[in-house]
Amino acid sequence: MEMSSVLGRKKEMTRAFSTKNVTWDIEGNKYEIQNVPFKSLNADGEEFINIDVAIKLEMIKELMVNNRIPNTVDFSLVADLELPI
């Protein structure tokens, strides 16, 4: 298989990062993180979130659930928060 063919297929399968809102409903409380980056693949319309983003989502969700930050936040504003341990 030619290299240009392989690169062409890879390019067809990937798209640029997009953003979406991620929400949870926990014990009757709504939590939302807006503008979360994700990547869509043409294969079966699946969406993928980078592992670093997924870890940040979990940390941000825990801060929201524990009333340390508001229930609705923009990912780009809180993704680089540094917290003392």
Protein backbone atom coordinates (compact mmCIF):
# COMPACT_ATOMS: atom_id res chain seq x y z
CA MET A 1 0.00 0.00 0.00
CA GLU A 2 1.34 3.43 -0.92
CA MET A 3 2.21 5.90 1.83
CA SER A 4 -0.05 8.57 0.30
CA SER A 5 -2.96 6.12 0.48
CA VAL A 6 -2.32 5.41 4.16
CA LEU A 7 -2.03 9.13 4.96
CA GLY A 8 -5.20 9.84 2.99
CA ARG A 9 -7.14 7.27 5.02
CA LYS A 10 -5.78 8.58 8.28
CA LYS A 11 -6.78 12.11 7.32
CA GLU A 12 -10.30 10.92 6.40
CA MET A 13 -10.71 9.22 9.78
CA THR A 14 -9.76 12.22 11.92
CA ARG A 15 -11.19 15.68 12.35
CA ALA A 16 -10.06 18.72 14.27
CA PHE A 17 -10.95 19.01 17.93
CA SER A 18 -14.43 20.25 18.69
CA THR A 19 -15.99 21.23 21.99
CA LYS A 20 -19.10 20.10 23.80
CA ASN A 21 -20.75 20.44 27.18
CA VAL A 22 -20.51 17.56 29.66
CA THR A 23 -23.21 17.29 32.31
CA TRP A 24 -23.97 15.12 35.32
CA ASP A 25 -27.07 14.89 37.46
CA ILE A 26 -25.94 13.74 40.91
CA GLU A 27 -28.45 13.50 43.73
CA GLY A 28 -30.73 16.02 42.06
CA ASN A 29 -27.95 18.56 41.38
CA LYS A 30 -26.90 19.42 37.84
CA TYR A 31 -23.19 19.90 37.15
CA GLU A 32 -21.96 21.16 33.78
CA ILE A 33 -18.54 21.69 32.26
CA GLN A 34 -18.80 23.73 29.07
CA ASN A 35 -16.49 23.73 26.05
CA VAL A 36 -14.79 20.41 26.73
CA PRO A 37 -12.44 19.51 23.84
CA PHE A 38 -13.02 16.18 22.11
CA LYS A 39 -12.18 14.54 18.82
CA SER A 40 -14.64 12.87 16.48
CA LEU A 41 -13.70 10.03 14.18
CA ASN A 42 -15.62 9.22 11.04
CA ALA A 43 -15.57 5.59 12.14
CA ASP A 44 -19.02 4.91 13.61
CA GLY A 45 -19.41 8.54 14.71
CA GLU A 46 -17.56 7.92 17.98
CA GLU A 47 -16.21 10.73 20.12
CA PHE A 48 -12.94 10.54 22.01
CA ILE A 49 -11.69 12.63 24.92
CA ASN A 50 -7.95 12.82 25.56
CA ILE A 51 -6.91 11.04 28.78
CA ASP A 52 -5.53 14.29 30.23
CA VAL A 53 -8.87 15.99 29.58
CA ALA A 54 -10.75 13.04 31.11
CA ILE A 55 -8.67 13.27 34.30
CA LYS A 56 -9.25 17.03 34.50
CA LEU A 57 -13.00 16.47 34.01
CA GLU A 58 -13.08 14.12 36.97
CA MET A 59 -11.13 16.54 39.16
CA ILE A 60 -13.34 19.48 38.16
CA LYS A 61 -16.47 17.40 38.81
CA GLU A 62 -15.24 16.53 42.30
CA LEU A 63 -14.57 20.22 43.03
CA MET A 64 -18.12 21.07 41.92
CA VAL A 65 -19.72 18.26 43.95
CA ASN A 66 -17.79 19.42 47.03
CA ASN A 67 -18.92 23.05 46.52
CA ARG A 68 -15.37 24.29 45.90
CA ILE A 69 -16.29 25.81 42.51
CA PRO A 70 -19.64 26.68 40.84
CA ASN A 71 -21.88 23.93 39.40
CA THR A 72 -21.39 25.31 35.87
CA VAL A 73 -17.91 26.20 34.62
CA ASP A 74 -16.09 26.71 31.34
CA PHE A 75 -13.38 24.07 30.83
CA SER A 76 -10.95 26.58 29.33
CA LEU A 77 -11.15 28.70 32.49
CA VAL A 78 -10.63 25.92 35.04
CA ALA A 79 -8.50 23.33 33.20
CA ASP A 80 -5.26 24.87 34.45
CA LEU A 81 -6.27 25.34 38.09
CA GLU A 82 -3.48 24.47 40.47
CA LEU A 83 -4.57 23.29 43.88
CA PRO A 84 -2.38 22.79 46.92
CA ILE A 85 -2.31 19.18 48.04
